[in-house]
Amino acid sequence: MRFLIMLAALALLAAVIVLLLYGLRGTASKPASAKWETHTEANGGITTIIVRQVTGQSESGRQVIASIPDDDADWETRYHEAMAQARSRVAALESQAD
């Protein structure tokens, strides 16, 4: 009788371990959800406003909204207009993903 109780306890323990392993493997294999965000890059005297799709730590897509020369007299106005357009684009892309 004691042997059967020990055997049942070991079987239960094995089942719990297997279920835990499946559960941990299942959550680790789920892909991170992609999200769209605005981003600004400054390089070589040009400011570029982009919308990029980020999955986890990596970029998986991008759209250039505007490239503005840093010496442009209307830089600030153009930058704010481009950022507004980028935010609008992010909203549209996120609504399409839902």
Protein backbone atom coordinates (compact mmCIF):
# COMPACT_ATOMS: atom_id res chain seq x y z
CA MET A 1 0.00 0.00 0.00
CA ARG A 2 2.81 2.37 0.91
CA PHE A 3 4.48 1.60 -2.42
CA LEU A 4 1.31 2.56 -4.34
CA ILE A 5 1.06 5.89 -2.50
CA MET A 6 4.71 6.68 -3.29
CA LEU A 7 4.15 5.70 -6.94
CA ALA A 8 1.05 7.90 -7.18
CA ALA A 9 2.92 10.82 -5.59
CA LEU A 10 5.80 10.44 -8.08
CA ALA A 11 3.35 10.28 -11.00
CA LEU A 12 1.62 13.43 -9.77
CA LEU A 13 4.95 15.21 -9.37
CA ALA A 14 6.00 14.19 -12.88
CA ALA A 15 2.70 15.47 -14.30
CA VAL A 16 3.11 18.83 -12.54
CA ILE A 17 6.68 19.20 -13.84
CA VAL A 18 5.62 18.39 -17.41
CA LEU A 19 2.76 20.90 -17.24
CA LEU A 20 5.09 23.58 -15.87
CA LEU A 21 7.59 22.96 -18.66
CA TYR A 22 4.87 23.19 -21.32
CA GLY A 23 3.57 26.38 -19.73
CA LEU A 24 7.00 28.01 -19.60
CA ARG A 25 7.81 26.98 -23.14
CA GLY A 26 4.47 28.32 -24.35
CA THR A 27 5.00 31.80 -22.90
CA ALA A 28 8.58 32.00 -24.12
CA SER A 29 7.62 31.14 -27.70
CA LYS A 30 4.90 33.77 -28.02
CA PRO A 31 6.08 36.51 -30.37
CA ALA A 32 6.30 40.02 -28.98
CA SER A 33 3.59 42.24 -30.36
CA ALA A 34 4.69 44.87 -32.84
CA LYS A 35 3.87 48.49 -32.21
CA TRP A 36 4.29 51.63 -34.30
CA GLU A 37 6.04 54.69 -32.90
CA THR A 38 7.38 58.04 -34.06
CA HIS A 39 11.11 58.56 -34.17
CA THR A 40 13.52 61.34 -35.11
CA GLU A 41 16.98 60.81 -36.56
CA ALA A 42 19.60 63.53 -37.03
CA ASN A 43 22.43 62.68 -39.36
CA GLY A 44 24.61 64.60 -41.80
CA GLY A 45 22.82 67.91 -41.35
CA ILE A 46 19.37 66.43 -42.00
CA THR A 47 16.63 65.65 -39.50
CA THR A 48 14.45 62.73 -40.56
CA ILE A 49 11.08 62.05 -38.99
CA ILE A 50 10.05 58.42 -39.33
CA VAL A 51 7.38 56.05 -38.17
CA ARG A 52 8.83 52.70 -37.24
CA GLN A 53 7.39 49.35 -36.28
CA VAL A 54 9.15 47.88 -33.28
CA THR A 55 8.95 44.27 -32.20
CA GLY A 56 10.67 43.66 -28.90
CA GLN A 57 14.08 45.32 -29.23
CA SER A 58 14.28 45.32 -33.04
CA GLU A 59 12.82 47.47 -35.77
CA SER A 60 10.66 45.48 -38.17
CA GLY A 61 9.42 48.26 -40.45
CA ARG A 62 9.77 51.98 -41.13
CA GLN A 63 8.19 54.78 -43.11
CA VAL A 64 9.91 58.11 -43.71
CA ILE A 65 7.57 61.02 -43.09
CA ALA A 66 9.92 63.94 -43.83
CA SER A 67 13.58 64.88 -44.19
CA ILE A 68 14.39 68.45 -43.19
CA PRO A 69 17.77 70.12 -43.72
CA ASP A 70 19.03 71.47 -40.39
CA ASP A 71 19.73 74.89 -41.96
CA ASP A 72 16.17 75.27 -43.32
CA ALA A 73 14.71 78.62 -42.25
CA ASP A 74 11.34 76.93 -41.56
CA TRP A 75 12.89 73.94 -39.77
CA GLU A 76 10.83 74.22 -36.58
CA THR A 77 7.51 74.65 -38.40
CA ARG A 78 8.28 71.78 -40.77
CA TYR A 79 9.42 69.59 -37.86
CA HIS A 80 6.20 70.14 -35.90
CA GLU A 81 4.08 69.50 -39.00
CA ALA A 82 5.98 66.30 -39.75
CA MET A 83 5.64 65.09 -36.16
CA ALA A 84 1.88 65.73 -36.29
CA GLN A 85 1.71 63.76 -39.53
CA ALA A 86 3.80 60.97 -37.97
CA ARG A 87 1.50 60.74 -34.94
CA SER A 88 -1.50 60.59 -37.26
CA ARG A 89 0.17 57.82 -39.27
CA VAL A 90 0.90 55.84 -36.08
CA ALA A 91 -2.75 56.10 -35.07
CA ALA A 92 -3.88 54.89 -38.50
CA LEU A 93 -1.42 51.99 -38.55
CA GLU A 94 -2.30 50.93 -35.00
CA SER A 95 -6.04 51.01 -35.80
CA GLN A 96 -5.45 48.78 -38.84
CA ALA A 97 -3.60 46.27 -36.62
CA ASP A 98 -6.57 45.89 -34.23
